Protein backbone atom coordinates (compact mmCIF):
# COMPACT_ATOMS: atom_id res chain seq x y z
CA MET A 1 0.00 0.00 0.00
CA PRO A 2 1.42 3.44 -0.94
CA ASP A 3 2.47 5.93 1.71
CA VAL A 4 -0.50 8.28 2.14
CA CYS A 5 0.09 11.78 3.45
CA PRO A 6 -3.18 13.43 4.39
CA LEU A 7 -3.48 17.19 4.41
CA SER A 8 -3.45 19.36 7.50
CA VAL A 9 -4.36 23.04 7.36
CA ALA A 10 -3.16 25.38 10.11
CA VAL A 11 -4.72 28.86 10.14
CA HIS A 12 -2.59 31.83 11.26
CA HIS A 13 -3.90 35.39 11.56
CA ASP A 14 -1.58 38.37 11.48
CA GLU A 15 -1.85 42.08 10.75
CA PHE A 16 -1.37 41.61 7.00
CA ALA A 17 -3.30 38.49 6.01
CA VAL A 18 -4.70 35.15 7.00
CA ARG A 19 -2.12 32.48 6.26
CA LEU A 20 -3.14 28.88 5.78
CA GLU A 21 -0.21 26.50 6.16
CA LEU A 22 -0.75 23.43 3.98
CA ASN A 23 1.08 20.30 5.10
CA GLY A 24 0.80 17.06 3.11
CA ASP A 25 -0.96 16.21 -0.15
CA LEU A 26 -3.69 18.21 -1.89
CA ASP A 27 -5.78 15.88 -4.00
CA MET A 28 -9.30 14.51 -4.48
CA GLN A 29 -9.51 13.22 -0.92
CA THR A 30 -8.04 16.24 0.84
CA GLY A 31 -9.34 19.13 -1.30
CA PRO A 32 -12.55 19.39 0.77
CA LEU A 33 -10.44 20.05 3.88
CA LEU A 34 -8.89 23.11 2.22
CA LEU A 35 -12.30 24.31 1.05
CA SER A 36 -13.71 23.87 4.56
CA ALA A 37 -10.91 26.02 5.96
CA ILE A 38 -11.61 28.69 3.31
CA ASP A 39 -15.35 28.56 4.08
CA SER A 40 -14.60 29.19 7.76
CA LEU A 41 -12.98 32.50 6.77
CA LEU A 42 -16.08 33.76 4.92
CA PRO A 43 -17.45 36.40 5.23
CA PRO A 44 -16.52 37.88 8.63
CA ALA A 45 -12.82 38.49 7.96
CA ASP A 46 -11.37 40.67 5.27
CA GLY A 47 -7.99 41.08 3.62
CA PRO A 48 -6.00 38.59 1.61
CA VAL A 49 -5.60 34.89 2.26
CA VAL A 50 -2.19 33.35 1.66
CA LEU A 51 -1.62 29.63 1.24
CA ASP A 52 1.81 28.67 2.57
CA CYS A 53 2.85 25.74 0.37
CA SER A 54 6.29 25.18 1.90
CA THR A 55 5.26 21.77 3.29
CA LEU A 56 2.81 20.81 0.55
CA ARG A 57 4.29 17.54 -0.74
CA PHE A 58 2.00 16.79 -3.68
CA ILE A 59 -0.80 18.33 -5.73
CA ASP A 60 -2.78 16.74 -8.55
CA ALA A 61 -5.50 18.02 -10.91
CA ARG A 62 -8.15 17.73 -8.19
CA GLY A 63 -5.92 19.66 -5.81
CA LEU A 64 -5.49 22.37 -8.43
CA SER A 65 -9.26 22.42 -8.80
CA ALA A 66 -9.59 22.94 -5.04
CA LEU A 67 -7.21 25.92 -5.28
CA LEU A 68 -9.36 27.42 -8.04
CA ARG A 69 -12.54 26.86 -6.04
CA ALA A 70 -10.91 28.53 -3.03
CA HIS A 71 -9.91 31.46 -5.25
CA ALA A 72 -13.48 31.78 -6.57
CA ALA A 73 -15.02 31.67 -3.09
CA LEU A 74 -12.67 34.36 -1.80
CA ALA A 75 -13.03 36.53 -4.92
CA ALA A 76 -16.81 36.44 -4.48
CA SER A 77 -16.21 38.02 -1.06
CA GLY A 78 -13.82 40.61 -2.46
CA ARG A 79 -10.73 38.91 -1.09
CA ASP A 80 -7.49 37.91 -2.78
CA LEU A 81 -5.75 34.54 -2.65
CA GLY A 82 -2.02 34.10 -3.10
CA LEU A 83 0.57 31.36 -2.69
CA MET A 84 3.74 31.50 -0.63
CA ASN A 85 6.66 29.11 -1.01
CA PRO A 86 5.29 27.00 -3.87
CA SER A 87 7.55 24.19 -5.02
CA ASP A 88 9.20 24.36 -8.43
CA ALA A 89 6.77 21.66 -9.58
CA LEU A 90 3.76 23.72 -8.50
CA ARG A 91 5.21 26.80 -10.24
CA ARG A 92 5.58 24.78 -13.45
CA ILE A 93 1.98 23.53 -13.20
CA LEU A 94 0.65 27.07 -12.67
CA THR A 95 2.68 28.40 -15.60
CA ALA A 96 1.74 25.53 -17.93
CA THR A 97 -1.96 25.95 -17.15
CA GLY A 98 -1.85 29.75 -17.34
CA LEU A 99 -2.95 30.04 -13.70
CA ASN A 100 0.09 31.86 -12.37
CA ASP A 101 -1.81 35.19 -12.57
CA THR A 102 -4.98 33.75 -11.03
CA LEU A 103 -3.00 32.15 -8.18
CA PRO A 104 -0.06 34.56 -7.81
CA GLU A 105 3.01 33.89 -5.76
CA MET A 106 3.55 36.21 -2.81
CA ARG A 107 7.09 36.42 -1.59
CA ARG A 108 6.25 38.32 1.60
CA PRO A 109 3.08 39.27 3.43
CA PRO A 110 1.02 41.80 1.48
CA VAL A 111 0.84 45.32 2.84
CA GLY A 112 -2.73 46.12 3.94
């Protein structure tokens, strides 16, 4: 049986943004966990949401779909979504699919 790495999502609030730290694999089974965390931020908070991908081990097409659904949910509330610390593989996927503008990389916390 293959080694399965479920996803954990830790939510951190600071003065600039809400940062969701993704740890594990983002795929068909774990995408709903990310979307649940995004839903918990709607609508009371404002400001950008940043997904910290530094410990995201794997993402597939369903995981990418979950990122797009998270982006759509936040955009409907007038909020931005960005990625921090994406792997080279995730950067290549975003560039190849033309989603690097929709899901931009943030190198540091955005200034409110």
